[in-house]
């Protein structure tokens, strides 16, 4: 009586396929038709709700560092960097977690604001710097949240229309 492991070891191995370089030409003079090179597409990460929030917070902290290093802590540069981060978060979150994108966008804005908020001194001064920056630059906060919410609404509408499409044709 053979064991399953022994049966797997006795099976003949198949030769590895010939290597295909970019452009679709066979590397080893094979007589077959060349295969077309695969088309490169942008990655489509699917983040969970928590992953989307963490991505946005880390990205906004990095954006604050960039604004601090390159632009002297400009809140205008920080606000401009917030818009694509909010959009990317709304685009990359899973369909089941769409509602979390507009919620995590303002949290990420506030989380990344700490290094460039302008507070100096103790905890109270830092907190007042963040509150002041949030109130003075609420336009960027609302704008990024609106971008995120609009993307989520459009994605949800597309998902709903795709679900209803087979019902209409049947």
Protein backbone atom coordinates (compact mmCIF):
# COMPACT_ATOMS: atom_id res chain seq x y z
CA UNK A 1 0.00 0.00 0.00
CA UNK A 2 1.56 3.28 -1.17
CA UNK A 3 1.37 6.40 0.89
CA UNK A 4 0.16 9.63 -0.77
CA UNK A 5 3.59 11.20 -0.29
CA UNK A 6 5.28 8.36 -2.16
CA UNK A 7 2.79 8.63 -5.03
CA UNK A 8 3.56 12.34 -5.43
CA UNK A 9 7.29 11.67 -5.53
CA UNK A 10 6.93 9.03 -8.28
CA UNK A 11 5.06 11.34 -10.69
CA UNK A 12 7.20 12.55 -13.61
CA UNK A 13 8.14 16.21 -13.61
CA UNK A 14 7.18 18.45 -16.48
CA UNK A 15 9.90 20.58 -18.10
CA UNK A 16 9.82 24.27 -17.28
CA UNK A 17 8.43 26.54 -20.03
CA UNK A 18 10.88 28.54 -22.10
CA UNK A 19 11.63 32.03 -20.78
CA UNK A 20 9.83 34.85 -22.56
CA UNK A 21 11.59 38.23 -22.67
CA UNK A 22 9.71 41.50 -22.93
CA UNK A 23 8.32 41.88 -26.43
CA UNK A 24 6.99 38.36 -26.77
CA UNK A 25 9.88 36.71 -28.66
CA UNK A 26 10.79 33.23 -27.42
CA UNK A 27 14.20 33.07 -25.72
CA UNK A 28 15.03 29.55 -26.89
CA UNK A 29 14.45 29.18 -30.63
CA UNK A 30 10.97 27.72 -30.27
CA UNK A 31 8.91 27.42 -33.43
CA UNK A 32 5.69 28.66 -31.82
CA UNK A 33 4.02 32.02 -32.23
CA UNK A 34 5.42 34.75 -30.00
CA UNK A 35 3.14 35.67 -27.14
CA UNK A 36 2.21 39.32 -26.66
CA UNK A 37 3.71 41.02 -23.64
CA UNK A 38 1.19 41.53 -20.82
CA UNK A 39 -0.23 45.04 -20.64
CA UNK A 40 0.82 46.97 -17.56
CA UNK A 41 -1.98 48.47 -15.52
CA UNK A 42 -2.03 50.58 -12.43
CA UNK A 43 -2.26 48.59 -9.22
CA UNK A 44 -5.72 48.32 -7.70
CA UNK A 45 -5.12 47.82 -4.01
CA UNK A 46 -8.16 46.95 -1.94
CA UNK A 47 -7.79 48.34 1.54
CA UNK A 48 -10.02 47.49 4.45
CA UNK A 49 -11.62 50.33 6.37
CA UNK A 50 -8.86 50.26 8.97
CA UNK A 51 -6.19 49.90 6.28
CA UNK A 52 -7.59 52.88 4.41
CA UNK A 53 -7.52 54.99 7.55
CA UNK A 54 -3.96 53.93 8.35
CA UNK A 55 -2.89 54.60 4.77
CA UNK A 56 -4.40 58.08 4.89
CA UNK A 57 -2.83 58.90 8.28
CA UNK A 58 0.62 57.72 7.23
CA UNK A 59 0.36 59.49 3.88
CA UNK A 60 -0.69 62.75 5.53
CA UNK A 61 2.12 62.50 8.08
CA UNK A 62 4.54 62.06 5.18
CA UNK A 63 2.86 64.97 3.38
CA UNK A 64 3.37 67.13 6.48
CA UNK A 65 7.04 66.15 6.50
CA UNK A 66 7.35 67.07 2.83
CA UNK A 67 5.57 70.38 3.41
CA UNK A 68 7.85 71.08 6.38
CA UNK A 69 11.08 70.20 4.55
CA UNK A 70 10.38 71.71 1.14
CA UNK A 71 7.94 74.52 1.85
CA UNK A 72 8.78 75.59 5.40
CA UNK A 73 5.64 74.09 6.93
CA UNK A 74 3.24 75.71 4.48
CA UNK A 75 -0.34 74.72 5.23
CA UNK A 76 -1.23 75.57 1.62
CA UNK A 77 1.13 72.83 0.38
CA UNK A 78 -0.22 70.48 3.04
CA UNK A 79 -3.79 71.17 1.91
CA UNK A 80 -2.90 70.59 -1.72
CA UNK A 81 -1.28 67.27 -0.81
CA UNK A 82 -4.39 66.30 1.17
CA UNK A 83 -6.66 66.29 -1.87
CA UNK A 84 -4.95 63.41 -3.75
CA UNK A 85 -4.53 61.42 -0.53
CA UNK A 86 -8.27 61.70 0.18
CA UNK A 87 -9.05 60.69 -3.41
CA UNK A 88 -6.64 57.73 -3.33
CA UNK A 89 -8.12 56.52 -0.06
CA UNK A 90 -11.63 56.63 -1.53
CA UNK A 91 -10.49 54.83 -4.69
CA UNK A 92 -8.50 52.08 -2.97
CA UNK A 93 -10.86 51.07 -0.17
CA UNK A 94 -12.84 47.84 -0.60
CA UNK A 95 -16.44 48.12 -1.78
CA UNK A 96 -17.66 46.72 1.55
CA UNK A 97 -15.85 49.51 3.44
CA UNK A 98 -16.71 52.48 1.23
CA UNK A 99 -18.29 54.45 4.07
CA UNK A 100 -14.99 54.60 5.94
CA UNK A 101 -13.15 56.71 3.33
CA UNK A 102 -14.95 60.03 3.99
CA UNK A 103 -14.66 59.36 7.72
CA UNK A 104 -10.92 58.64 7.69
CA UNK A 105 -10.04 61.63 5.48
CA UNK A 106 -10.59 64.35 8.14
CA UNK A 107 -8.98 62.16 10.80
CA UNK A 108 -5.90 61.82 8.59
CA UNK A 109 -5.85 65.58 7.96
CA UNK A 110 -5.79 66.24 11.69
CA UNK A 111 -3.26 63.47 12.40
CA UNK A 112 -0.77 64.77 9.88
CA UNK A 113 -1.21 68.38 10.93
CA UNK A 114 0.74 68.06 14.17
CA UNK A 115 4.30 68.54 12.77
CA UNK A 116 3.43 71.74 10.92
CA UNK A 117 0.73 73.23 13.15
CA UNK A 118 3.03 75.85 14.63
CA UNK A 119 2.49 75.11 18.27
CA UNK A 120 5.51 75.65 20.50
CA UNK A 121 5.95 74.81 24.13
CA UNK A 122 4.02 72.26 26.12
CA UNK A 123 1.09 70.03 25.35
CA UNK A 124 -1.47 72.83 25.61
CA UNK A 125 0.38 75.01 23.11
CA UNK A 126 0.69 72.09 20.66
CA UNK A 127 -3.01 71.32 21.01
CA UNK A 128 -3.95 74.97 20.44
CA UNK A 129 -1.71 75.05 17.37
CA UNK A 130 -3.54 72.06 15.91
CA UNK A 131 -6.98 73.52 16.73
CA UNK A 132 -6.00 76.87 15.20
CA UNK A 133 -4.64 75.23 12.05
CA UNK A 134 -7.80 73.14 11.72
CA UNK A 135 -10.04 76.17 12.05
CA UNK A 136 -8.02 78.39 9.73
CA UNK A 137 -7.66 75.76 7.02
CA UNK A 138 -11.05 74.11 7.25
CA UNK A 139 -11.54 74.74 3.53
CA UNK A 140 -8.90 72.15 2.68
CA UNK A 141 -10.43 69.78 5.21
CA UNK A 142 -13.91 70.17 3.75
CA UNK A 143 -12.61 70.03 0.18
CA UNK A 144 -10.73 66.76 0.65
CA UNK A 145 -13.63 65.22 2.54
CA UNK A 146 -15.98 66.28 -0.25
CA UNK A 147 -13.68 64.75 -2.90
CA UNK A 148 -13.59 61.52 -0.92
CA UNK A 149 -17.37 61.50 -0.42
CA UNK A 150 -18.07 62.16 -4.11
CA UNK A 151 -15.80 59.32 -5.19
CA UNK A 152 -17.49 57.00 -2.71
CA UNK A 153 -20.97 57.98 -3.94
CA UNK A 154 -19.99 57.39 -7.57
CA UNK A 155 -18.37 54.03 -6.75
CA UNK A 156 -21.45 52.95 -4.79
CA UNK A 157 -23.75 53.98 -7.65
CA UNK A 158 -21.65 51.96 -10.11
CA UNK A 159 -21.75 48.93 -7.82
CA UNK A 160 -25.52 49.17 -7.46
CA UNK A 161 -26.03 49.56 -11.21
CA UNK A 162 -23.84 46.50 -11.88
CA UNK A 163 -25.95 44.45 -9.48
CA UNK A 164 -29.21 45.54 -11.11
CA UNK A 165 -28.01 45.10 -14.71
CA UNK A 166 -28.40 41.28 -14.83
CA UNK A 167 -31.90 41.55 -13.35
CA UNK A 168 -33.04 43.93 -16.11
CA UNK A 169 -31.76 41.70 -18.92
CA UNK A 170 -33.31 38.52 -17.47
